Amino acid sequence: GAQATLLGRHAVASTVMDKSQISKRWPYLDDLSSSG
């Protein structure tokens, strides 16, 4: 979240995502061990 804020100050778009958002955008990543 802090990194996204830093990037935003430079007008670099980024998004913090949870596991369900990731698997919805990239269905082949539905077996991640990560939570976000």
PDB file of all heavy atoms in Angstrom:
ATOM      1  N   GLY A   1       0.820  -1.210   0.000  1.00  0.00           N
ATOM      2  CA  GLY A   1       0.000   0.000   0.000  1.00  0.00           C
ATOM      3  C   GLY A   1       0.849   1.253   0.000  1.00  0.00           C
ATOM      4  O   GLY A   1       0.569   2.219  -0.730  1.00  0.00           O
ATOM      5  N   ALA A   2       1.914   1.246   0.819  1.00  0.00           N
ATOM      6  CA  ALA A   2       2.830   2.392   0.853  1.00  0.00           C
ATOM      7  C   ALA A   2       3.547   2.548  -0.483  1.00  0.00           C
ATOM      8  O   ALA A   2       3.781   3.676  -0.956  1.00  0.00           O
ATOM      9  CB  ALA A   2       3.831   2.208   1.984  1.00  0.00           C
ATOM     10  N   GLN A   3       3.884   1.415  -1.112  1.00  0.00           N
ATOM     11  CA  GLN A   3       4.553   1.464  -2.408  1.00  0.00           C
ATOM     12  C   GLN A   3       3.615   2.043  -3.470  1.00  0.00           C
ATOM     13  O   GLN A   3       4.038   2.842  -4.317  1.00  0.00           O
ATOM     14  CB  GLN A   3       5.002   0.060  -2.812  1.00  0.00           C
ATOM     15  CG  GLN A   3       5.867   0.010  -4.054  1.00  0.00           C
ATOM     16  CD  GLN A   3       6.355  -1.405  -4.360  1.00  0.00           C
ATOM     17  OE1 GLN A   3       6.126  -2.340  -3.599  1.00  0.00           O
ATOM     18  NE2 GLN A   3       7.033  -1.556  -5.486  1.00  0.00           N
ATOM     19  N   ALA A   4       2.344   1.664  -3.419  1.00  0.00           N
ATOM     20  CA  ALA A   4       1.370   2.204  -4.368  1.00  0.00           C
ATOM     21  C   ALA A   4       1.233   3.718  -4.197  1.00  0.00           C
ATOM     22  O   ALA A   4       1.093   4.464  -5.184  1.00  0.00           O
ATOM     23  CB  ALA A   4       0.019   1.522  -4.173  1.00  0.00           C
ATOM     24  N   THR A   5       1.301   4.185  -2.951  1.00  0.00           N
ATOM     25  CA  THR A   5       1.248   5.628  -2.701  1.00  0.00           C
ATOM     26  C   THR A   5       2.456   6.327  -3.313  1.00  0.00           C
ATOM     27  O   THR A   5       2.340   7.395  -3.931  1.00  0.00           O
ATOM     28  CB  THR A   5       1.192   5.898  -1.186  1.00  0.00           C
ATOM     29  OG1 THR A   5       0.019   5.281  -0.640  1.00  0.00           O
ATOM     30  CG2 THR A   5       1.163   7.393  -0.909  1.00  0.00           C
ATOM     31  N   LEU A   6       3.641   5.724  -3.120  1.00  0.00           N
ATOM     32  CA  LEU A   6       4.863   6.271  -3.717  1.00  0.00           C
ATOM     33  C   LEU A   6       4.730   6.363  -5.230  1.00  0.00           C
ATOM     34  O   LEU A   6       5.028   7.398  -5.844  1.00  0.00           O
ATOM     35  CB  LEU A   6       6.057   5.397  -3.344  1.00  0.00           C
ATOM     36  CG  LEU A   6       7.352   5.622  -4.137  1.00  0.00           C
ATOM     37  CD1 LEU A   6       7.925   7.010  -3.852  1.00  0.00           C
ATOM     38  CD2 LEU A   6       8.384   4.537  -3.827  1.00  0.00           C
ATOM     39  N   LEU A   7       4.280   5.286  -5.861  1.00  0.00           N
ATOM     40  CA  LEU A   7       4.138   5.282  -7.318  1.00  0.00           C
ATOM     41  C   LEU A   7       3.114   6.325  -7.766  1.00  0.00           C
ATOM     42  O   LEU A   7       3.299   6.985  -8.794  1.00  0.00           O
ATOM     43  CB  LEU A   7       3.730   3.888  -7.796  1.00  0.00           C
ATOM     44  CG  LEU A   7       4.769   2.784  -7.578  1.00  0.00           C
ATOM     45  CD1 LEU A   7       4.174   1.421  -7.933  1.00  0.00           C
ATOM     46  CD2 LEU A   7       6.018   3.033  -8.388  1.00  0.00           C
ATOM     47  N   GLY A   8       2.044   6.478  -6.991  1.00  0.00           N
ATOM     48  CA  GLY A   8       1.028   7.456  -7.336  1.00  0.00           C
ATOM     49  C   GLY A   8       1.557   8.879  -7.342  1.00  0.00           C
ATOM     50  O   GLY A   8       1.108   9.712  -8.144  1.00  0.00           O
ATOM     51  N   ARG A   9       2.519   9.173  -6.457  1.00  0.00           N
ATOM     52  CA  ARG A   9       3.106  10.518  -6.446  1.00  0.00           C
ATOM     53  C   ARG A   9       3.839  10.818  -7.743  1.00  0.00           C
ATOM     54  O   ARG A   9       4.063  11.980  -8.089  1.00  0.00           O
ATOM     55  CB  ARG A   9       4.068  10.656  -5.253  1.00  0.00           C
ATOM     56  CG  ARG A   9       3.368  10.726  -3.910  1.00  0.00           C
ATOM     57  CD  ARG A   9       4.268  11.349  -2.849  1.00  0.00           C
ATOM     58  NE  ARG A   9       5.427  10.530  -2.553  1.00  0.00           N
ATOM     59  CZ  ARG A   9       5.480   9.621  -1.581  1.00  0.00           C
ATOM     60  NH1 ARG A   9       4.414   9.414  -0.815  1.00  0.00           N
ATOM     61  NH2 ARG A   9       6.576   8.931  -1.365  1.00  0.00           N
ATOM     62  N   HIS A  10       4.246   9.761  -8.471  1.00  0.00           N
ATOM     63  CA  HIS A  10       4.929   9.930  -9.756  1.00  0.00           C
ATOM     64  C   HIS A  10       3.992   9.657 -10.936  1.00  0.00           C
ATOM     65  O   HIS A  10       4.457   9.488 -12.068  1.00  0.00           O
ATOM     66  CB  HIS A  10       6.130   9.000  -9.837  1.00  0.00           C
ATOM     67  CG  HIS A  10       7.240   9.356  -8.890  1.00  0.00           C
ATOM     68  ND1 HIS A  10       8.140  10.354  -9.155  1.00  0.00           N
ATOM     69  CD2 HIS A  10       7.567   8.863  -7.669  1.00  0.00           C
ATOM     70  CE1 HIS A  10       8.996  10.458  -8.151  1.00  0.00           C
ATOM     71  NE2 HIS A  10       8.667   9.566  -7.241  1.00  0.00           N
ATOM     72  N   ALA A  11       2.684   9.598 -10.646  1.00  0.00           N
ATOM     73  CA  ALA A  11       1.668   9.339 -11.685  1.00  0.00           C
ATOM     74  C   ALA A  11       1.869   7.980 -12.353  1.00  0.00           C
ATOM     75  O   ALA A  11       1.568   7.810 -13.540  1.00  0.00           O
ATOM     76  CB  ALA A  11       1.663  10.460 -12.725  1.00  0.00           C
ATOM     77  N   VAL A  12       2.391   7.024 -11.591  1.00  0.00           N
ATOM     78  CA  VAL A  12       2.526   5.646 -12.072  1.00  0.00           C
ATOM     79  C   VAL A  12       1.380   4.844 -11.466  1.00  0.00           C
ATOM     80  O   VAL A  12       1.288   4.705 -10.240  1.00  0.00           O
ATOM     81  CB  VAL A  12       3.880   5.029 -11.666  1.00  0.00           C
ATOM     82  CG1 VAL A  12       3.949   3.559 -12.101  1.00  0.00           C
ATOM     83  CG2 VAL A  12       5.032   5.824 -12.266  1.00  0.00           C
ATOM     84  N   ALA A  13       0.515   4.323 -12.301  1.00  0.00           N
ATOM     85  CA  ALA A  13      -0.668   3.612 -11.821  1.00  0.00           C
ATOM     86  C   ALA A  13      -0.292   2.245 -11.267  1.00  0.00           C
ATOM     87  O   ALA A  13       0.499   1.510 -11.865  1.00  0.00           O
ATOM     88  CB  ALA A  13      -1.679   3.461 -12.953  1.00  0.00           C
ATOM     89  N   SER A  14      -0.861   1.905 -10.111  1.00  0.00           N
ATOM     90  CA  SER A  14      -0.673   0.578  -9.528  1.00  0.00           C
ATOM     91  C   SER A  14      -1.879   0.270  -8.662  1.00  0.00           C
ATOM     92  O   SER A  14      -2.619   1.184  -8.250  1.00  0.00           O
ATOM     93  CB  SER A  14       0.614   0.507  -8.701  1.00  0.00           C
ATOM     94  OG  SER A  14       0.543   1.375  -7.576  1.00  0.00           O
ATOM     95  N   THR A  15      -2.085  -1.013  -8.382  1.00  0.00           N
ATOM     96  CA  THR A  15      -3.259  -1.441  -7.635  1.00  0.00           C
ATOM     97  C   THR A  15      -2.882  -2.533  -6.650  1.00  0.00           C
ATOM     98  O   THR A  15      -2.194  -3.494  -7.014  1.00  0.00           O
ATOM     99  CB  THR A  15      -4.338  -2.011  -8.590  1.00  0.00           C
ATOM    100  OG1 THR A  15      -4.608  -1.062  -9.626  1.00  0.00           O
ATOM    101  CG2 THR A  15      -5.619  -2.323  -7.832  1.00  0.00           C
ATOM    102  N   VAL A  16      -3.316  -2.382  -5.391  1.00  0.00           N
ATOM    103  CA  VAL A  16      -3.193  -3.461  -4.415  1.00  0.00           C
ATOM    104  C   VAL A  16      -4.416  -4.357  -4.583  1.00  0.00           C
ATOM    105  O   VAL A  16      -5.559  -3.884  -4.566  1.00  0.00           O
ATOM    106  CB  VAL A  16      -3.105  -2.910  -2.975  1.00  0.00           C
ATOM    107  CG1 VAL A  16      -3.045  -4.059  -1.971  1.00  0.00           C
ATOM    108  CG2 VAL A  16      -1.882  -2.009  -2.824  1.00  0.00           C
ATOM    109  N   MET A  17      -4.186  -5.658  -4.765  1.00  0.00           N
ATOM    110  CA  MET A  17      -5.264  -6.597  -5.087  1.00  0.00           C
ATOM    111  C   MET A  17      -5.267  -7.749  -4.100  1.00  0.00           C
ATOM    112  O   MET A  17      -4.202  -8.174  -3.623  1.00  0.00           O
ATOM    113  CB  MET A  17      -5.069  -7.142  -6.516  1.00  0.00           C
ATOM    114  CG  MET A  17      -4.843  -6.077  -7.572  1.00  0.00           C
ATOM    115  SD  MET A  17      -4.438  -6.754  -9.210  1.00  0.00           S
ATOM    116  CE  MET A  17      -6.035  -7.372  -9.716  1.00  0.00           C
ATOM    117  N   ASP A  18      -6.457  -8.285  -3.812  1.00  0.00           N
ATOM    118  CA  ASP A  18      -6.520  -9.507  -3.011  1.00  0.00           C
ATOM    119  C   ASP A  18      -6.529 -10.716  -3.945  1.00  0.00           C
ATOM    120  O   ASP A  18      -6.570 -10.579  -5.176  1.00  0.00           O
ATOM    121  CB  ASP A  18      -7.720  -9.506  -2.061  1.00  0.00           C
ATOM    122  CG  ASP A  18      -9.069  -9.455  -2.790  1.00  0.00           C
ATOM    123  OD1 ASP A  18      -9.141  -9.927  -3.945  1.00  0.00           O
ATOM    124  OD2 ASP A  18     -10.031  -8.948  -2.200  1.00  0.00           O
ATOM    125  N   LYS A  19      -6.509 -11.889  -3.340  1.00  0.00           N
ATOM    126  CA  LYS A  19      -6.360 -13.117  -4.141  1.00  0.00           C
ATOM    127  C   LYS A  19      -7.517 -13.306  -5.120  1.00  0.00           C
ATOM    128  O   LYS A  19      -7.305 -13.719  -6.269  1.00  0.00           O
ATOM    129  CB  LYS A  19      -6.254 -14.311  -3.195  1.00  0.00           C
ATOM    130  CG  LYS A  19      -5.932 -15.621  -3.879  1.00  0.00           C
ATOM    131  CD  LYS A  19      -5.666 -16.724  -2.880  1.00  0.00           C
ATOM    132  CE  LYS A  19      -5.280 -18.022  -3.580  1.00  0.00           C
ATOM    133  NZ  LYS A  19      -4.942 -19.082  -2.597  1.00  0.00           N
ATOM    134  N   SER A  20      -8.723 -12.990  -4.693  1.00  0.00           N
ATOM    135  CA  SER A  20      -9.878 -13.185  -5.571  1.00  0.00           C
ATOM    136  C   SER A  20      -9.826 -12.224  -6.765  1.00  0.00           C
ATOM    137  O   SER A  20     -10.180 -12.606  -7.889  1.00  0.00           O
ATOM    138  CB  SER A  20     -11.180 -12.980  -4.781  1.00  0.00           C
ATOM    139  OG  SER A  20     -11.275 -11.652  -4.297  1.00  0.00           O
ATOM    140  N   GLN A  21      -9.385 -11.005  -6.538  1.00  0.00           N
ATOM    141  CA  GLN A  21      -9.246 -10.050  -7.645  1.00  0.00           C
ATOM    142  C   GLN A  21      -8.186 -10.499  -8.643  1.00  0.00           C
ATOM    143  O   GLN A  21      -8.339 -10.335  -9.853  1.00  0.00           O
ATOM    144  CB  GLN A  21      -8.904  -8.667  -7.095  1.00  0.00           C
ATOM    145  CG  GLN A  21     -10.023  -8.001  -6.318  1.00  0.00           C
ATOM    146  CD  GLN A  21      -9.566  -6.737  -5.615  1.00  0.00           C
ATOM    147  OE1 GLN A  21      -8.503  -6.722  -4.975  1.00  0.00           O
ATOM    148  NE2 GLN A  21     -10.354  -5.680  -5.723  1.00  0.00           N
ATOM    149  N   ILE A  22      -7.108 -11.078  -8.119  1.00  0.00           N
ATOM    150  CA  ILE A  22      -6.038 -11.561  -8.998  1.00  0.00           C
ATOM    151  C   ILE A  22      -6.523 -12.719  -9.854  1.00  0.00           C
ATOM    152  O   ILE A  22      -6.326 -12.741 -11.078  1.00  0.00           O
ATOM    153  CB  ILE A  22      -4.816 -11.971  -8.155  1.00  0.00           C
ATOM    154  CG1 ILE A  22      -4.180 -10.739  -7.508  1.00  0.00           C
ATOM    155  CG2 ILE A  22      -3.782 -12.711  -9.023  1.00  0.00           C
ATOM    156  CD1 ILE A  22      -3.108 -11.064  -6.477  1.00  0.00           C
ATOM    157  N   SER A  23      -7.187 -13.698  -9.242  1.00  0.00           N
ATOM    158  CA  SER A  23      -7.640 -14.870  -9.997  1.00  0.00           C
ATOM    159  C   SER A  23      -8.745 -14.511 -10.980  1.00  0.00           C
ATOM    160  O   SER A  23      -8.882 -15.145 -12.036  1.00  0.00           O
ATOM    161  CB  SER A  23      -8.118 -15.970  -9.043  1.00  0.00           C
ATOM    162  OG  SER A  23      -9.205 -15.522  -8.261  1.00  0.00           O
ATOM    163  N   LYS A  24      -9.527 -13.472 -10.663  1.00  0.00           N
ATOM    164  CA  LYS A  24     -10.563 -13.040 -11.600  1.00  0.00           C
ATOM    165  C   LYS A  24      -9.942 -12.396 -12.834  1.00  0.00           C
ATOM    166  O   LYS A  24     -10.395 -12.627 -13.959  1.00  0.00           O
ATOM    167  CB  LYS A  24     -11.505 -12.056 -10.910  1.00  0.00           C
ATOM    168  CG  LYS A  24     -12.662 -11.601 -11.791  1.00  0.00           C
ATOM    169  CD  LYS A  24     -13.610 -10.685 -11.034  1.00  0.00           C
ATOM    170  CE  LYS A  24     -14.771 -10.243 -11.924  1.00  0.00           C
ATOM    171  NZ  LYS A  24     -15.708  -9.346 -11.189  1.00  0.00           N
ATOM    172  N   ARG A  25      -8.873 -11.613 -12.623  1.00  0.00           N
ATOM    173  CA  ARG A  25      -8.229 -10.943 -13.764  1.00  0.00           C
ATOM    174  C   ARG A  25      -7.374 -11.914 -14.563  1.00  0.00           C
ATOM    175  O   ARG A  25      -7.318 -11.833 -15.792  1.00  0.00           O
ATOM    176  CB  ARG A  25      -7.383  -9.775 -13.259  1.00  0.00           C
ATOM    177  CG  ARG A  25      -6.656  -9.059 -14.378  1.00  0.00           C
ATOM    178  CD  ARG A  25      -6.286  -7.659 -14.027  1.00  0.00           C
ATOM    179  NE  ARG A  25      -5.710  -6.955 -15.152  1.00  0.00           N
ATOM    180  CZ  ARG A  25      -5.436  -5.668 -15.175  1.00  0.00           C
ATOM    181  NH1 ARG A  25      -5.712  -4.911 -14.113  1.00  0.00           N
ATOM    182  NH2 ARG A  25      -4.909  -5.096 -16.237  1.00  0.00           N
ATOM    183  N   TRP A  26      -6.662 -12.818 -13.862  1.00  0.00           N
ATOM    184  CA  TRP A  26      -5.801 -13.795 -14.523  1.00  0.00           C
ATOM    185  C   TRP A  26      -6.218 -15.191 -14.036  1.00  0.00           C
ATOM    186  O   TRP A  26      -5.655 -15.720 -13.059  1.00  0.00           O
ATOM    187  CB  TRP A  26      -4.325 -13.537 -14.177  1.00  0.00           C
ATOM    188  CG  TRP A  26      -3.829 -12.183 -14.599  1.00  0.00           C
ATOM    189  CD1 TRP A  26      -3.509 -11.771 -15.854  1.00  0.00           C
ATOM    190  CD2 TRP A  26      -3.596 -11.048 -13.740  1.00  0.00           C
ATOM    191  NE1 TRP A  26      -3.089 -10.462 -15.845  1.00  0.00           N
ATOM    192  CE2 TRP A  26      -3.125  -9.989 -14.569  1.00  0.00           C
ATOM    193  CE3 TRP A  26      -3.714 -10.826 -12.364  1.00  0.00           C
ATOM    194  CZ2 TRP A  26      -2.799  -8.735 -14.061  1.00  0.00           C
ATOM    195  CZ3 TRP A  26      -3.404  -9.575 -11.855  1.00  0.00           C
ATOM    196  CH2 TRP A  26      -2.946  -8.546 -12.695  1.00  0.00           C
ATOM    197  N   PRO A  27      -7.207 -15.810 -14.682  1.00  0.00           N
ATOM    198  CA  PRO A  27      -7.750 -17.088 -14.204  1.00  0.00           C
ATOM    199  C   PRO A  27      -6.698 -18.188 -14.041  1.00  0.00           C
ATOM    200  O   PRO A  27      -6.864 -19.089 -13.200  1.00  0.00           O
ATOM    201  CB  PRO A  27      -8.763 -17.457 -15.296  1.00  0.00           C
ATOM    202  CG  PRO A  27      -9.173 -16.148 -15.891  1.00  0.00           C
ATOM    203  CD  PRO A  27      -7.939 -15.297 -15.847  1.00  0.00           C
ATOM    204  N   TYR A  28      -5.626 -18.131 -14.803  1.00  0.00           N
ATOM    205  CA  TYR A  28      -4.591 -19.157 -14.679  1.00  0.00           C
ATOM    206  C   TYR A  28      -3.754 -18.980 -13.411  1.00  0.00           C
ATOM    207  O   TYR A  28      -2.885 -19.809 -13.121  1.00  0.00           O
ATOM    208  CB  TYR A  28      -3.686 -19.165 -15.917  1.00  0.00           C
ATOM    209  CG  TYR A  28      -3.176 -17.807 -16.347  1.00  0.00           C
ATOM    210  CD1 TYR A  28      -2.075 -17.218 -15.742  1.00  0.00           C
ATOM    211  CD2 TYR A  28      -3.823 -17.101 -17.370  1.00  0.00           C
ATOM    212  CE1 TYR A  28      -1.610 -15.975 -16.129  1.00  0.00           C
ATOM    213  CE2 TYR A  28      -3.363 -15.851 -17.765  1.00  0.00           C
ATOM    214  CZ  TYR A  28      -2.267 -15.292 -17.139  1.00  0.00           C
ATOM    215  OH  TYR A  28      -1.815 -14.056 -17.522  1.00  0.00           O
ATOM    216  N   LEU A  29      -4.020 -17.908 -12.638  1.00  0.00           N
ATOM    217  CA  LEU A  29      -3.331 -17.707 -11.366  1.00  0.00           C
ATOM    218  C   LEU A  29      -4.256 -18.047 -10.187  1.00  0.00           C
ATOM    219  O   LEU A  29      -4.172 -17.436  -9.122  1.00  0.00           O
ATOM    220  CB  LEU A  29      -2.846 -16.255 -11.237  1.00  0.00           C
ATOM    221  CG  LEU A  29      -1.810 -15.794 -12.259  1.00  0.00           C
ATOM    222  CD1 LEU A  29      -1.430 -14.337 -12.022  1.00  0.00           C
ATOM    223  CD2 LEU A  29      -0.565 -16.680 -12.197  1.00  0.00           C
ATOM    224  N   ASP A  30      -5.134 -19.022 -10.375  1.00  0.00           N
ATOM    225  CA  ASP A  30      -6.082 -19.376  -9.318  1.00  0.00           C
ATOM    226  C   ASP A  30      -5.484 -20.307  -8.272  1.00  0.00           C
ATOM    227  O   ASP A  30      -6.140 -20.679  -7.307  1.00  0.00           O
ATOM    228  CB  ASP A  30      -7.333 -20.033  -9.921  1.00  0.00           C
ATOM    229  CG  ASP A  30      -7.021 -21.295 -10.714  1.00  0.00           C
ATOM    230  OD1 ASP A  30      -5.821 -21.605 -10.891  1.00  0.00           O
ATOM    231  OD2 ASP A  30      -7.965 -21.960 -11.178  1.00  0.00           O
ATOM    232  N   ASP A  31      -4.197 -20.680  -8.450  1.00  0.00           N
ATOM    233  CA  ASP A  31      -3.558 -21.589  -7.501  1.00  0.00           C
ATOM    234  C   ASP A  31      -2.416 -20.907  -6.755  1.00  0.00           C
ATOM    235  O   ASP A  31      -1.469 -21.558  -6.322  1.00  0.00           O
ATOM    236  CB  ASP A  31      -3.038 -22.828  -8.250  1.00  0.00           C
ATOM    237  CG  ASP A  31      -2.752 -23.991  -7.311  1.00  0.00           C
ATOM    238  OD1 ASP A  31      -3.338 -24.009  -6.210  1.00  0.00           O
ATOM    239  OD2 ASP A  31      -1.931 -24.859  -7.663  1.00  0.00           O
ATOM    240  N   LEU A  32      -2.506 -19.592  -6.589  1.00  0.00           N
ATOM    241  CA  LEU A  32      -1.461 -18.862  -5.887  1.00  0.00           C
ATOM    242  C   LEU A  32      -1.434 -19.220  -4.405  1.00  0.00           C
ATOM    243  O   LEU A  32      -2.480 -19.444  -3.787  1.00  0.00           O
ATOM    244  CB  LEU A  32      -1.685 -17.354  -6.016  1.00  0.00           C
ATOM    245  CG  LEU A  32      -1.477 -16.703  -7.383  1.00  0.00           C
ATOM    246  CD1 LEU A  32      -1.889 -15.239  -7.312  1.00  0.00           C
ATOM    247  CD2 LEU A  32      -0.031 -16.822  -7.828  1.00  0.00           C
ATOM    248  N   SER A  33      -0.231 -19.217  -3.838  1.00  0.00           N
ATOM    249  CA  SER A  33      -0.115 -19.398  -2.391  1.00  0.00           C
ATOM    250  C   SER A  33      -0.242 -18.072  -1.659  1.00  0.00           C
ATOM    251  O   SER A  33      -0.352 -18.040  -0.433  1.00  0.00           O
ATOM    252  CB  SER A  33       1.241 -20.045  -2.055  1.00  0.00           C
ATOM    253  OG  SER A  33       2.306 -19.167  -2.399  1.00  0.00           O
ATOM    254  N   SER A  34      -0.233 -16.964  -2.395  1.00  0.00           N
ATOM    255  CA  SER A  34      -0.272 -15.633  -1.799  1.00  0.00           C
ATOM    256  C   SER A  34      -1.700 -15.198  -1.488  1.00  0.00           C
ATOM    257  O   SER A  34      -2.663 -15.709  -2.080  1.00  0.00           O
ATOM    258  CB  SER A  34       0.368 -14.617  -2.736  1.00  0.00           C
ATOM    259  OG  SER A  34       1.691 -14.992  -3.058  1.00  0.00           O
ATOM    260  N   SER A  35      -1.831 -14.222  -0.596  1.00  0.00           N
ATOM    261  CA  SER A  35      -3.144 -13.693  -0.243  1.00  0.00           C
ATOM    262  C   SER A  35      -3.453 -12.396  -0.973  1.00  0.00           C
ATOM    263  O   SER A  35      -4.588 -11.921  -0.950  1.00  0.00           O
ATOM    264  CB  SER A  35      -3.233 -13.474   1.269  1.00  0.00           C
ATOM    265  OG  SER A  35      -2.195 -12.614   1.711  1.00  0.00           O
ATOM    266  N   GLY A  36      -2.446 -11.796  -1.596  1.00  0.00           N
ATOM    267  CA  GLY A  36      -2.664 -10.564  -2.326  1.00  0.00           C
ATOM    268  C   GLY A  36      -1.387 -10.060  -2.948  1.00  0.00           C
ATOM    269  O   GLY A  36      -0.329 -10.698  -2.841  1.00  0.00           O
TER     270      GLY A  36
END
